[in-house]
Amino acid sequence: MGLFRRKKREGEQTLDAGEALRQLKRSKKGLSREETAQIIGVVCEQVEELKRQIAVSQKEYEAVTSYLTDMQKIDRMAEENRQAVNDAARNILNLTKERVKYQNSTERLPIEQYRAMERYEKEIPGELKNIYEQEQYREMIYSDLRQLEGERGVIEYERESAQDKKIFLKNLAVFGGFLVVLLFATLLVINLITKTDMFLPMLLVLALAAGITAYIAVVEGQIKKTLRESDYKLNRVIQLTNKVKIKLVNCANALDYSYEKYRVQSYREFAVIWEKYVRTKDEERRYRKSTELLEHYNRTLMDELFNAEVRDVEIWLYQAEALLDEKEMVEVRHHLNIRRQKIRERLEFNHSQLALCEEELSQIAKGNSAYADLVEEIAGKHGISW
């Protein structure tokens, strides 16, 4: 019989109680005392295990039966009491869903940022405004710097143009002087050679020389004025730029300190994190409140069920939906009935196997009356009354 097969330690044989019993019946001399003791030990171990399984199954059967009895008690509750149970169950379901949603939320802040926000919670609204104004001020400074750089570019362009004109005037003076001398010398040679009157042409050359000189003098005066004004404007732009850069450094340092303090990179990020923090804080507050309410409704539900003489009241905290949905209650009842049927089948099978085992022991004792005391001794060691 496969039921009584047992594996022994390495080097030992595997015994089958049924086969040993058949050998006992076939043999005139019977089995040895050691072989019979081994067979009895195998059967007693099976009896011990079967009784344990029967005890476990009976306990589970009683629990399932108790659940079904509790469901009948719930179905027979007075309308007023059942309404209180339903209200409590409905609130338990809603609060549980809300808590699960909070626990699974991905919008919550990392713990480090949350702690940083919590630490400076009271001053953050004012700091948000300050950082926003500082960033706006920084943008204004950048705008001023760009404008000063533009003005500096215009001034430097004007200065370079004046320098170019100065070089042009220098070249003009050299070229004009050379031209006047050349013309004057040419007219003088012509006068000496041809005895022609060159007074008027010479006068015109002198007038040309005077014109060039006057032009150079006027333009040079303008250039000097432009250069003086350019130097003044450039120095002023440089001074203003330095002042603005100092403001920029101070502003940037203040912002960097605030960014580091609150673990952010900008006002926009800070505002988003603060909004998340406020939302998380509110959710935590509601979570704590829901915890208190959940405990209240749990107590209410258990009290109502206890008053209805329901034995296992706590299990209904985890299947509150069945109290509200008749289909769900039917499903739970159907599942319990199936479980009870399977337990009953397992009990019947184990009882039948237990009877077979006890029959095996009886046959071993009857097969050889000399071993009846051996059966009683080994059964006693396994806690089996014989």
Foldseek 3Di string as FASTA:
>chain_A
DVLLWDDDPPPDDIDDLVVLLVVQLVDPVGDDLVVLLVSLLSLLVLLLVLVVLLVVLVVVLVVLVLVLVLLVLLVPDDPVLLVLLLVLLVLLVVLVVLLVCLVPDPLADDPVLLVLCVVCVVCVVVVLVVQVVLVVVLVVLVVVLVVLVVVLVVLVVLLVVLVVVLVVLVVLLVVLVVVLVVQLVVLVVCCVVVVDDCPVVNVVSVVSNVVSVVVSVVSNVVSVVSNVVSVVSNVVSVVVSVVSVVVNVVSVVVSVVVCVSSVHDGSVRSVSNSVSSVVSVVSVVVSVVSVVVNVVSLVSNLVSSVVSVRDDRNVCSVVSVCSVDVVVVVVVSVVSVVVSVVSVVSSVVSVVVSVVSVVSLVSSCVSDVVCVVVSCVSSVVSVHHD
